[in-house]
């Protein structure tokens, strides 16, 4: 259906009369949430007369983009025009603002009453302190008597002590209550700031003109795009082992969820939510190729082999800080945009808070295993291995892992295609230890009849099983991969522990080591880099 869109300027008084007849905006039916904005669709009914009707969508947010206003009607009816107008409103027209303001006033009365009570207790403490000084002076005089009345002294001191204890206990209780009320007051202030604009309130009213074409009460949909909304994925993985052993087969239950935040100025009540990874670019110009320049410099005659030391804080698996907020999320969809629809209607308030919403729950086969990557971390980890059971990719996000009903911790899952293998950590296994030692770092120069020098590297990995049963640990290491014809990398098989698996294209090498109760085993890895004598080696 073709829509004819136009925007006209209408006298404010005329529109104000029309808005006054509609106290609330038509309900939100559907919301498509993008990484940094949302497309909202509202639904209303038209009452046709003489073949035409006008439907008013009042109290819409000021932030909506007029360019995105779209309307359509059901049946044979047709939208033939859309007009938009900004009108002023009362500051507290929104009943939520009045409700929160009333709660704040009531809270402030309670806070002032407690503060008055605390001042009374402070005065009582001051009186007791003054009386204590006075009693001390009397006590100095009484001591000079030949027969002082010590019983009366003890009675007065006990009475003062008990009075202080009672007052301090009551003060502590009121101080605790005052701190709680102050926290509630700050929350209400933040909520009020999100609900109430900082200037004279205004609202946008949109009027849709309908050509009925025989329809008596056609349904009218109005959609528009607003900023201030975002979402990002979160996952929960629950592994149910098939036995009591550390490793073995079991079931994995993957919960796909979304964390949604919005401060668009309107609540989404009982709406159908669709989460999209696409990034609409409103008003973007067609791209032009940038100028391409060719430049160069004289290359040194001496070739260089650059070797970089891996820094653990930059390796995958290191702890990261994840920030959250109403700002747009960086959704990693790998160029394949898709949308997820929540299974039921939900409500998301325009207060900027994160709302956790479950999207999907899938169960699949999985296997737990013990894995060590001593080059990265000196620990043995329990991990669960499975294939992405969802019919859609899993985007990069936080995954909360659970084993046998217990929460283990958080990790980060990278972009994973449907059916692609994935591993999720279940935490460190404290009963197994791993240690990596440097055995050899020798650089041998070229011989008398040779023009090749050799860089020898050797490492030893020590494993210890302190558990009460036999365990199998997969140890993962890597060796350099040469992309240069003049440089060769050779695995020293006579110095490397046997029964390994080698991915020569990526340089990954692994062993499955089985250790009995209390047993220790060593794994050796050795390789040599062969390169021309005239090459220089730099270590960064």
Protein backbone atom coordinates (compact mmCIF):
# COMPACT_ATOMS: atom_id res chain seq x y z
CA UNK A 1 0.00 0.00 0.00
CA UNK A 2 1.44 3.30 -1.04
CA UNK A 3 1.51 6.01 1.65
CA UNK A 4 1.30 9.74 0.92
CA UNK A 5 3.28 11.53 3.65
CA UNK A 6 3.14 15.23 4.25
CA UNK A 7 3.69 17.57 7.20
CA UNK A 8 1.60 20.68 7.72
CA UNK A 9 1.70 23.47 10.25
CA UNK A 10 -1.61 23.72 12.11
CA UNK A 11 -2.62 26.39 14.61
CA UNK A 12 -1.68 25.35 18.13
CA UNK A 13 -5.08 26.20 19.63
CA UNK A 14 -6.89 23.96 17.16
CA UNK A 15 -4.61 21.03 17.98
CA UNK A 16 -4.86 21.70 21.73
CA UNK A 17 -8.63 21.26 21.59
CA UNK A 18 -8.20 17.98 19.72
CA UNK A 19 -5.59 16.67 22.20
CA UNK A 20 -7.78 17.58 25.14
CA UNK A 21 -10.29 14.98 23.98
CA UNK A 22 -7.64 12.25 24.09
CA UNK A 23 -6.00 11.99 27.52
CA UNK A 24 -3.81 9.03 26.63
CA UNK A 25 -1.94 7.99 23.51
CA UNK A 26 -3.16 4.93 21.59
CA UNK A 27 -1.44 1.79 22.94
CA UNK A 28 1.93 0.58 21.73
CA UNK A 29 1.41 -2.68 19.85
CA UNK A 30 4.89 -3.55 18.55
CA UNK A 31 8.46 -2.32 19.06
CA UNK A 32 11.50 -3.23 16.98
CA UNK A 33 14.57 -2.51 19.13
CA UNK A 34 17.85 -1.80 17.33
CA UNK A 35 21.30 -1.24 18.81
CA UNK A 36 20.76 2.51 19.31
CA UNK A 37 17.08 3.25 18.62
CA UNK A 38 13.65 1.67 18.27
CA UNK A 39 10.77 1.61 15.83
CA UNK A 40 7.45 1.92 17.68
CA UNK A 41 4.07 0.96 16.22
CA UNK A 42 0.81 2.16 17.80
CA UNK A 43 -2.70 1.03 16.85
CA UNK A 44 -6.01 2.90 16.94
CA UNK A 45 -9.47 2.70 15.33
CA UNK A 46 -10.99 5.16 12.87
CA UNK A 47 -14.65 6.18 12.84
CA UNK A 48 -15.51 6.80 9.21
CA UNK A 49 -17.99 9.48 8.15
CA UNK A 50 -18.70 10.48 4.56
CA UNK A 51 -15.96 8.13 3.40
CA UNK A 52 -13.17 9.79 5.41
CA UNK A 53 -11.78 9.83 8.96
CA UNK A 54 -9.02 11.38 11.03
CA UNK A 55 -7.21 9.46 13.74
CA UNK A 56 -5.29 11.45 16.36
CA UNK A 57 -2.18 9.95 18.02
CA UNK A 58 -1.60 12.33 20.92
CA UNK A 59 1.14 12.61 23.56
CA UNK A 60 3.86 11.07 21.43
CA UNK A 61 7.51 11.67 22.44
CA UNK A 62 9.25 14.80 21.26
CA UNK A 63 12.30 12.80 20.21
CA UNK A 64 10.61 10.85 17.42
CA UNK A 65 12.05 11.36 13.95
CA UNK A 66 9.40 12.99 11.72
CA UNK A 67 11.02 11.51 8.63
CA UNK A 68 10.12 8.01 9.82
CA UNK A 69 6.37 8.57 10.37
CA UNK A 70 4.46 5.90 8.47
CA UNK A 71 0.76 4.99 8.61
CA UNK A 72 -1.44 2.29 7.12
CA UNK A 73 -5.04 1.18 7.46
CA UNK A 74 -6.65 -2.26 7.46
CA UNK A 75 -8.98 -3.72 4.87
CA UNK A 76 -9.78 -1.57 1.87
CA UNK A 77 -9.09 1.66 3.77
CA UNK A 78 -6.04 3.70 2.82
CA UNK A 79 -3.89 6.25 4.58
CA UNK A 80 -3.73 9.41 2.46
CA UNK A 81 -1.89 11.80 4.79
CA UNK A 82 0.10 12.25 7.99
CA UNK A 83 0.55 15.56 9.80
CA UNK A 84 2.65 16.32 12.87
CA UNK A 85 2.39 19.14 15.40
CA UNK A 86 4.13 20.07 18.66
CA UNK A 87 1.86 21.42 21.42
CA UNK A 88 2.63 22.59 24.98
CA UNK A 89 1.33 20.58 27.92
CA UNK A 90 1.10 21.04 31.66
CA UNK A 91 4.29 20.11 33.52
CA UNK A 92 2.59 17.36 35.55
CA UNK A 93 0.14 16.13 32.92
CA UNK A 94 1.69 12.68 33.15
CA UNK A 95 0.04 10.98 36.15
CA UNK A 96 3.30 9.18 36.87
CA UNK A 97 5.04 12.48 37.57
CA UNK A 98 2.33 13.48 40.04
CA UNK A 99 2.49 10.07 41.72
CA UNK A 100 6.28 10.11 42.13
CA UNK A 101 6.21 13.74 43.32
CA UNK A 102 3.64 12.81 45.96
CA UNK A 103 5.81 9.89 47.10
CA UNK A 104 8.82 12.21 47.39
CA UNK A 105 6.86 14.74 49.47
CA UNK A 106 5.68 11.98 51.82
CA UNK A 107 9.22 10.62 52.04
CA UNK A 108 10.65 14.06 52.86
CA UNK A 109 8.13 14.42 55.73
CA UNK A 110 9.34 11.10 57.15
CA UNK A 111 12.99 12.16 56.77
CA UNK A 112 12.36 15.49 58.53
CA UNK A 113 10.54 13.72 61.38
CA UNK A 114 13.44 11.31 61.90
CA UNK A 115 15.95 14.17 61.77
CA UNK A 116 13.96 15.99 64.51
CA UNK A 117 13.96 12.82 66.61
CA UNK A 118 17.73 12.41 66.16
CA UNK A 119 18.30 16.03 67.23
CA UNK A 120 16.32 15.27 70.39
CA UNK A 121 18.53 12.27 71.10
CA UNK A 122 21.66 14.38 70.47
CA UNK A 123 20.41 16.92 73.02
CA UNK A 124 19.77 14.10 75.50
CA UNK A 125 23.37 12.85 75.01
CA UNK A 126 24.66 16.39 75.60
CA UNK A 127 22.61 16.63 78.81
CA UNK A 128 23.99 13.29 80.00
CA UNK A 129 27.54 14.45 79.21
CA UNK A 130 26.99 17.69 81.17
CA UNK A 131 25.55 15.75 84.09
CA UNK A 132 28.56 13.41 83.95
CA UNK A 133 30.94 16.35 84.32
CA UNK A 134 28.83 17.70 87.21
CA UNK A 135 28.75 14.29 88.92
CA UNK A 136 32.53 14.00 88.56
CA UNK A 137 33.02 17.29 90.39
CA UNK A 138 30.65 16.16 93.19
CA UNK A 139 32.52 12.87 93.38
CA UNK A 140 35.80 14.70 93.99
CA UNK A 141 34.19 16.44 96.98
CA UNK A 142 32.57 13.23 98.32
CA UNK A 143 35.88 11.38 98.28
CA UNK A 144 37.15 13.68 101.04
CA UNK A 145 34.48 12.34 103.47
CA UNK A 146 35.68 9.76 105.94
CA UNK A 147 32.63 7.55 105.13
CA UNK A 148 31.69 8.11 101.44
CA UNK A 149 28.39 6.61 100.15
CA UNK A 150 29.77 4.38 97.38
CA UNK A 151 26.43 2.62 96.90
CA UNK A 152 24.84 5.86 95.76
CA UNK A 153 27.77 6.48 93.38
CA UNK A 154 27.34 3.08 91.79
CA UNK A 155 23.58 3.60 91.41
CA UNK A 156 24.06 6.96 89.66
CA UNK A 157 26.79 5.63 87.35
CA UNK A 158 24.68 2.60 86.38
CA UNK A 159 21.71 4.83 85.67
CA UNK A 160 23.81 7.10 83.42
CA UNK A 161 25.31 4.09 81.61
CA UNK A 162 21.90 2.51 81.00
CA UNK A 163 20.49 5.82 79.79
CA UNK A 164 23.35 6.21 77.29
CA UNK A 165 22.90 2.64 76.03
CA UNK A 166 19.17 3.16 75.47
CA UNK A 167 19.68 6.48 73.69
CA UNK A 168 22.52 5.17 71.49
CA UNK A 169 20.51 2.09 70.55
CA UNK A 170 17.54 4.21 69.52
CA UNK A 171 19.84 6.58 67.63
CA UNK A 172 21.38 3.67 65.72
CA UNK A 173 17.93 2.39 64.73
CA UNK A 174 16.77 5.79 63.50
CA UNK A 175 20.06 6.37 61.64
CA UNK A 176 19.60 3.06 59.83
CA UNK A 177 16.05 4.00 58.89
CA UNK A 178 17.24 7.44 57.76
CA UNK A 179 19.88 5.92 55.45
CA UNK A 180 17.24 3.63 53.92
CA UNK A 181 14.88 6.55 53.33
CA UNK A 182 17.67 8.63 51.77
CA UNK A 183 18.48 5.79 49.34
CA UNK A 184 14.79 5.55 48.40
CA UNK A 185 14.68 9.33 47.98
CA UNK A 186 17.63 9.29 45.56
CA UNK A 187 15.99 6.51 43.52
CA UNK A 188 12.74 8.46 43.29
CA UNK A 189 14.63 11.60 42.28
CA UNK A 190 16.33 9.71 39.44
CA UNK A 191 13.02 8.25 38.34
CA UNK A 192 11.39 11.67 38.39
CA UNK A 193 14.26 13.09 36.34
CA UNK A 194 13.64 10.44 33.67
CA UNK A 195 9.89 10.99 33.68
CA UNK A 196 9.75 14.78 33.76
CA UNK A 197 11.45 17.03 31.19
CA UNK A 198 13.71 19.83 32.35
CA UNK A 199 11.74 22.51 30.54
CA UNK A 200 8.10 23.32 29.77
CA UNK A 201 6.54 19.99 28.80
CA UNK A 202 5.69 19.50 25.18
CA UNK A 203 4.25 16.59 23.25
CA UNK A 204 3.92 15.68 19.62
CA UNK A 205 0.54 14.98 18.11
CA UNK A 206 0.22 13.13 14.81
CA UNK A 207 -2.98 13.09 12.76
CA UNK A 208 -3.54 10.36 10.17
CA UNK A 209 -6.12 11.01 7.44
CA UNK A 210 -7.93 7.91 6.20
CA UNK A 211 -9.89 7.26 3.02
CA UNK A 212 -12.34 4.61 4.22
CA UNK A 213 -13.42 3.02 0.92
CA UNK A 214 -16.41 1.29 2.46
CA UNK A 215 -14.79 0.37 5.79
CA UNK A 216 -16.72 1.53 8.89
CA UNK A 217 -14.01 1.23 11.60
CA UNK A 218 -10.66 0.35 10.00
CA UNK A 219 -7.64 -0.32 12.17
CA UNK A 220 -4.92 2.32 11.78
CA UNK A 221 -1.24 1.69 12.51
CA UNK A 222 1.27 4.48 13.03
CA UNK A 223 5.00 3.71 13.24
CA UNK A 224 7.97 5.95 13.93
CA UNK A 225 11.61 5.74 15.05
CA UNK A 226 12.84 7.14 18.38
CA UNK A 227 16.38 7.28 19.84
CA UNK A 228 17.29 6.31 23.39
CA UNK A 229 16.74 2.55 23.17
CA UNK A 230 19.24 -0.30 23.06
CA UNK A 231 19.66 -3.99 23.82
CA UNK A 232 22.42 -6.55 24.13
CA UNK A 233 22.38 -10.34 24.46
CA UNK A 234 23.00 -12.36 27.61
CA UNK A 235 23.12 -16.13 28.01
CA UNK A 236 22.71 -18.70 30.75
CA UNK A 237 24.21 -22.17 30.28
CA UNK A 238 23.18 -24.90 32.69
CA UNK A 239 25.12 -28.17 32.42
CA UNK A 240 23.51 -31.28 33.90
CA UNK A 241 26.20 -33.99 34.09
CA UNK A 242 25.27 -37.56 33.32
CA UNK A 243 27.28 -38.87 36.29
CA UNK A 244 29.12 -37.65 39.39
CA UNK A 245 32.47 -37.63 37.55
CA UNK A 246 34.26 -34.38 36.71
CA UNK A 247 34.12 -35.15 33.00
CA UNK A 248 31.74 -36.95 30.72
CA UNK A 249 28.56 -36.51 28.74
CA UNK A 250 25.46 -34.71 29.91
CA UNK A 251 22.83 -32.18 28.88
CA UNK A 252 23.21 -28.45 28.40
CA UNK A 253 20.32 -26.00 28.64
CA UNK A 254 21.02 -22.69 26.92
CA UNK A 255 18.85 -19.70 27.81
CA UNK A 256 19.08 -16.86 25.30
CA UNK A 257 18.04 -13.54 26.83
CA UNK A 258 18.19 -9.84 26.07
CA UNK A 259 18.88 -6.88 28.33
CA UNK A 260 16.76 -3.96 27.11
CA UNK A 261 17.08 -0.33 28.18
CA UNK A 262 15.11 2.63 26.96
CA UNK A 263 14.68 6.32 27.80
CA UNK A 264 12.53 7.26 24.82
CA UNK A 265 9.98 9.21 26.85
CA UNK A 266 7.18 6.63 26.47
CA UNK A 267 6.50 3.33 28.21
CA UNK A 268 6.09 0.16 26.18
CA UNK A 269 3.21 -1.55 27.96
CA UNK A 270 2.23 -5.11 27.03
CA UNK A 271 3.96 -4.75 23.66
CA UNK A 272 5.34 -7.27 21.22
CA UNK A 273 9.14 -6.81 21.17
CA UNK A 274 11.39 -7.68 18.25
CA UNK A 275 15.16 -7.44 18.74
CA UNK A 276 17.11 -6.62 15.61
CA UNK A 277 20.84 -6.60 14.93
CA UNK A 278 20.55 -4.34 11.88
CA UNK A 279 21.76 -0.74 12.06
CA UNK A 280 19.43 1.68 10.24
CA UNK A 281 21.22 4.80 9.03
CA UNK A 282 18.74 7.60 8.56
CA UNK A 283 19.77 10.32 6.17
CA UNK A 284 23.04 8.68 5.12
CA UNK A 285 24.52 9.64 1.79
CA UNK A 286 25.65 7.10 -0.76
CA UNK A 287 29.33 6.21 -0.20
CA UNK A 288 32.09 7.48 -2.46
CA UNK A 289 35.51 5.85 -2.79
CA UNK A 290 38.27 7.71 -0.99
CA UNK A 291 41.38 8.87 -2.88
CA UNK A 292 43.98 6.11 -3.25
CA UNK A 293 47.62 7.16 -3.05
CA UNK A 294 50.75 5.07 -3.64
CA UNK A 295 53.84 5.87 -1.62
CA UNK A 296 57.00 4.07 -0.62
CA UNK A 297 60.45 4.21 0.91
CA UNK A 298 63.78 2.50 0.43
CA UNK A 299 63.85 -0.89 2.13
CA UNK A 300 66.83 -1.77 4.31
CA UNK A 301 69.03 -4.49 2.91
CA UNK A 302 68.87 -6.38 6.18
CA UNK A 303 65.74 -8.51 6.68
CA UNK A 304 64.18 -8.74 10.14
CA UNK A 305 62.34 -11.54 11.92
CA UNK A 306 60.07 -9.95 14.50
CA UNK A 307 59.02 -12.14 17.41
CA UNK A 308 56.36 -10.80 19.77
CA UNK A 309 55.96 -11.93 23.34
CA UNK A 310 52.35 -12.63 24.25
CA UNK A 311 51.06 -10.54 27.13
CA UNK A 312 48.59 -12.44 29.27
CA UNK A 313 46.40 -9.41 29.88
CA UNK A 314 45.82 -9.21 26.11
CA UNK A 315 45.13 -12.91 25.55
CA UNK A 316 41.65 -14.27 25.09
CA UNK A 317 40.20 -15.44 28.36
CA UNK A 318 41.57 -12.62 30.50
CA UNK A 319 39.02 -10.95 32.77
CA UNK A 320 37.29 -8.01 31.15
CA UNK A 321 35.14 -5.23 32.42
CA UNK A 322 31.74 -5.07 30.81
CA UNK A 323 30.08 -1.68 30.85
CA UNK A 324 26.36 -1.18 30.59
CA UNK A 325 24.11 1.81 30.09
CA UNK A 326 21.53 3.40 27.85
CA UNK A 327 24.10 4.09 25.13
CA UNK A 328 23.88 2.09 21.91
CA UNK A 329 25.34 -1.40 22.06
CA UNK A 330 27.91 -2.76 19.61
CA UNK A 331 26.08 -5.83 18.33
CA UNK A 332 28.49 -8.20 16.60
CA UNK A 333 26.39 -9.87 13.92
CA UNK A 334 29.23 -10.59 11.44
CA UNK A 335 27.30 -8.93 8.64
CA UNK A 336 24.30 -11.28 8.93
CA UNK A 337 21.45 -9.22 10.36
CA UNK A 338 18.63 -11.12 12.01
CA UNK A 339 15.75 -10.47 14.39
CA UNK A 340 14.59 -12.25 17.54
CA UNK A 341 10.97 -12.03 18.66
CA UNK A 342 10.18 -12.34 22.36
CA UNK A 343 7.79 -15.26 22.97
CA UNK A 344 5.24 -13.13 24.83
CA UNK A 345 4.22 -9.52 25.23
CA UNK A 346 6.22 -7.55 27.80
CA UNK A 347 6.38 -4.10 29.38
CA UNK A 348 9.52 -1.93 29.36
CA UNK A 349 9.33 1.39 31.20
CA UNK A 350 11.09 4.52 29.96
CA UNK A 351 13.25 4.85 33.07
CA UNK A 352 16.64 3.81 31.67
CA UNK A 353 16.81 0.69 33.83
CA UNK A 354 17.99 -2.63 32.33
CA UNK A 355 15.19 -5.15 31.83
CA UNK A 356 16.22 -8.80 31.47
CA UNK A 357 13.93 -10.64 29.06
CA UNK A 358 14.18 -14.38 28.14
CA UNK A 359 13.98 -15.03 24.40
CA UNK A 360 14.59 -18.74 23.94
CA UNK A 361 15.49 -21.91 25.87
CA UNK A 362 17.18 -24.78 24.01
CA UNK A 363 18.43 -28.13 25.33
CA UNK A 364 21.22 -30.11 23.66
CA UNK A 365 23.84 -32.77 24.24
CA UNK A 366 27.11 -31.61 25.79
CA UNK A 367 30.31 -32.97 27.25
CA UNK A 368 32.38 -31.80 30.21
CA UNK A 369 36.16 -32.05 30.04
CA UNK A 370 39.30 -30.79 31.80
CA UNK A 371 41.43 -28.38 29.78
CA UNK A 372 44.74 -26.67 30.53
CA UNK A 373 46.39 -23.91 28.51
CA UNK A 374 49.48 -23.28 30.64
CA UNK A 375 50.86 -20.67 28.24
CA UNK A 376 47.77 -18.59 29.03
CA UNK A 377 46.96 -19.42 32.66
CA UNK A 378 48.56 -21.81 35.22
CA UNK A 379 45.24 -23.55 35.96
CA UNK A 380 43.20 -26.56 34.88
CA UNK A 381 39.66 -25.62 33.89
CA UNK A 382 36.45 -27.57 33.70
CA UNK A 383 34.77 -26.71 30.40
CA UNK A 384 31.60 -27.86 28.70
CA UNK A 385 31.77 -28.54 24.98
CA UNK A 386 28.69 -28.32 22.78
CA UNK A 387 27.40 -27.08 19.44
CA UNK A 388 25.30 -23.94 19.20
CA UNK A 389 21.80 -25.46 19.39
CA UNK A 390 19.98 -22.28 18.35
CA UNK A 391 18.65 -21.76 14.83
CA UNK A 392 20.37 -18.35 14.77
CA UNK A 393 23.88 -17.08 15.55
CA UNK A 394 24.86 -16.28 19.12
CA UNK A 395 26.31 -12.80 19.20
CA UNK A 396 29.18 -11.80 21.42
CA UNK A 397 27.98 -11.41 24.99
CA UNK A 398 28.20 -12.48 28.61
CA UNK A 399 27.33 -16.07 29.46
CA UNK A 400 26.49 -17.14 33.02
CA UNK A 401 27.51 -20.77 33.56
CA UNK A 402 25.92 -23.22 36.01
CA UNK A 403 26.80 -26.82 36.83
CA UNK A 404 24.41 -29.22 38.59
CA UNK A 405 22.27 -26.29 39.74
CA UNK A 406 25.15 -24.20 41.15
CA UNK A 407 26.28 -20.88 39.70
CA UNK A 408 29.92 -21.06 38.57
CA UNK A 409 30.75 -17.66 37.07
CA UNK A 410 30.69 -15.46 33.99
CA UNK A 411 32.64 -15.63 30.77
CA UNK A 412 32.38 -14.13 27.29
CA UNK A 413 31.06 -16.04 24.31
CA UNK A 414 32.19 -14.90 20.87
CA UNK A 415 30.04 -14.82 17.73
CA UNK A 416 28.98 -18.44 17.13
CA UNK A 417 27.09 -19.63 14.06
CA UNK A 418 24.27 -22.22 14.30
CA UNK A 419 25.77 -25.67 14.81
CA UNK A 420 29.28 -24.27 15.36
CA UNK A 421 31.25 -25.92 18.22
CA UNK A 422 31.67 -23.81 21.35
CA UNK A 423 33.26 -24.18 24.76
CA UNK A 424 32.13 -22.57 27.99
CA UNK A 425 34.24 -22.52 31.14
CA UNK A 426 32.82 -24.04 34.31
CA UNK A 427 35.58 -22.62 36.48
CA UNK A 428 38.96 -23.70 37.86
CA UNK A 429 39.48 -27.24 39.13
CA UNK A 430 41.47 -26.81 42.33
CA UNK A 431 42.35 -30.52 42.56
CA UNK A 432 44.60 -30.45 39.49
CA UNK A 433 47.72 -28.32 39.11
CA UNK A 434 49.69 -27.29 36.04
CA UNK A 435 53.04 -25.53 35.68
CA UNK A 436 54.99 -24.42 32.59
CA UNK A 437 58.79 -24.17 32.66
CA UNK A 438 61.28 -22.84 30.10
CA UNK A 439 63.89 -25.53 29.30
CA UNK A 440 65.79 -24.03 26.41
CA UNK A 441 66.03 -20.67 24.66
CA UNK A 442 69.16 -20.95 22.53
CA UNK A 443 70.11 -19.13 19.31
CA UNK A 444 72.71 -21.07 17.26
CA UNK A 445 74.60 -19.26 14.52
CA UNK A 446 75.19 -20.72 11.08
CA UNK A 447 77.93 -23.35 10.77
CA UNK A 448 81.07 -23.28 8.65
CA UNK A 449 79.34 -24.71 5.58
CA UNK A 450 75.87 -23.36 6.27
CA UNK A 451 74.11 -20.01 5.85
CA UNK A 452 71.20 -20.84 8.21
CA UNK A 453 70.96 -20.08 11.90
CA UNK A 454 68.65 -21.82 14.35
CA UNK A 455 66.48 -20.61 17.23
CA UNK A 456 65.81 -23.47 19.65
CA UNK A 457 62.91 -23.35 22.10
CA UNK A 458 61.84 -26.01 24.61
CA UNK A 459 59.24 -26.10 27.43
CA UNK A 460 58.11 -28.58 30.09
CA UNK A 461 54.55 -28.77 31.40
CA UNK A 462 54.11 -30.42 34.80
CA UNK A 463 50.68 -31.86 35.75
CA UNK A 464 49.60 -33.05 39.20
CA UNK A 465 46.38 -34.88 40.09
CA UNK A 466 45.41 -34.32 43.74
CA UNK A 467 41.86 -35.59 43.33
CA UNK A 468 40.56 -38.92 44.62
CA UNK A 469 40.04 -40.48 41.18
CA UNK A 470 41.65 -40.94 37.77
CA UNK A 471 41.39 -37.85 35.55
CA UNK A 472 42.03 -36.98 31.90
CA UNK A 473 43.32 -33.48 31.05
CA UNK A 474 43.60 -32.00 27.58
CA UNK A 475 46.73 -29.81 27.42
CA UNK A 476 46.83 -27.21 24.66
CA UNK A 477 49.93 -25.41 23.38
CA UNK A 478 51.06 -23.77 20.15
CA UNK A 479 54.16 -23.44 18.02
CA UNK A 480 55.03 -20.69 15.49
CA UNK A 481 53.65 -20.90 11.96
CA UNK A 482 55.86 -19.52 9.21
CA UNK A 483 54.28 -17.55 6.37
CA UNK A 484 57.67 -16.86 4.76
CA UNK A 485 59.42 -19.32 2.47
CA UNK A 486 62.89 -18.49 3.85
CA UNK A 487 61.83 -19.27 7.44
CA UNK A 488 61.10 -22.85 8.52
CA UNK A 489 59.63 -24.10 11.81
CA UNK A 490 60.49 -27.67 12.79
CA UNK A 491 58.87 -29.58 15.64
CA UNK A 492 61.59 -31.54 17.46
CA UNK A 493 59.78 -34.87 17.61
CA UNK A 494 62.54 -36.64 19.55
CA UNK A 495 62.31 -34.02 22.31
CA UNK A 496 58.51 -33.63 22.26
CA UNK A 497 56.23 -35.94 24.22
CA UNK A 498 54.55 -38.49 21.96
CA UNK A 499 50.84 -39.05 21.20
CA UNK A 500 50.09 -35.44 20.38
CA UNK A 501 47.63 -33.96 17.89
CA UNK A 502 49.05 -31.24 15.64
CA UNK A 503 47.21 -28.69 13.53
CA UNK A 504 50.16 -27.67 11.35
CA UNK A 505 48.24 -24.93 9.54
CA UNK A 506 47.47 -23.03 12.76
CA UNK A 507 50.30 -24.36 14.92
CA UNK A 508 48.06 -25.85 17.63
CA UNK A 509 49.33 -28.94 19.43
CA UNK A 510 47.51 -30.85 22.16
CA UNK A 511 47.82 -33.93 24.38
CA UNK A 512 45.28 -35.91 26.36
CA UNK A 513 47.02 -36.83 29.60
CA UNK A 514 45.53 -39.43 31.96
CA UNK A 515 46.62 -39.24 35.57
CA UNK A 516 45.85 -41.68 38.36
CA UNK A 517 45.06 -40.51 41.86
CA UNK A 518 48.06 -38.55 43.22
CA UNK A 519 50.05 -39.04 40.00
CA UNK A 520 52.37 -36.48 38.38
CA UNK A 521 53.28 -36.33 34.70
CA UNK A 522 55.48 -34.14 32.52
CA UNK A 523 54.94 -33.07 28.92
CA UNK A 524 57.80 -31.69 26.84
CA UNK A 525 57.50 -29.44 23.80
CA UNK A 526 60.47 -28.46 21.60
CA UNK A 527 60.77 -26.75 18.24
CA UNK A 528 63.40 -24.95 16.17
CA UNK A 529 63.08 -21.94 13.89
CA UNK A 530 65.48 -22.01 10.92
CA UNK A 531 66.21 -18.71 9.18
CA UNK A 532 68.94 -17.17 6.99
CA UNK A 533 72.09 -15.93 8.68
CA UNK A 534 71.60 -12.34 7.49
CA UNK A 535 68.24 -12.03 9.23
CA UNK A 536 68.02 -10.05 12.46
CA UNK A 537 65.79 -11.19 15.35
CA UNK A 538 63.88 -8.63 17.36
CA UNK A 539 61.86 -9.46 20.46
CA UNK A 540 59.00 -7.12 21.43
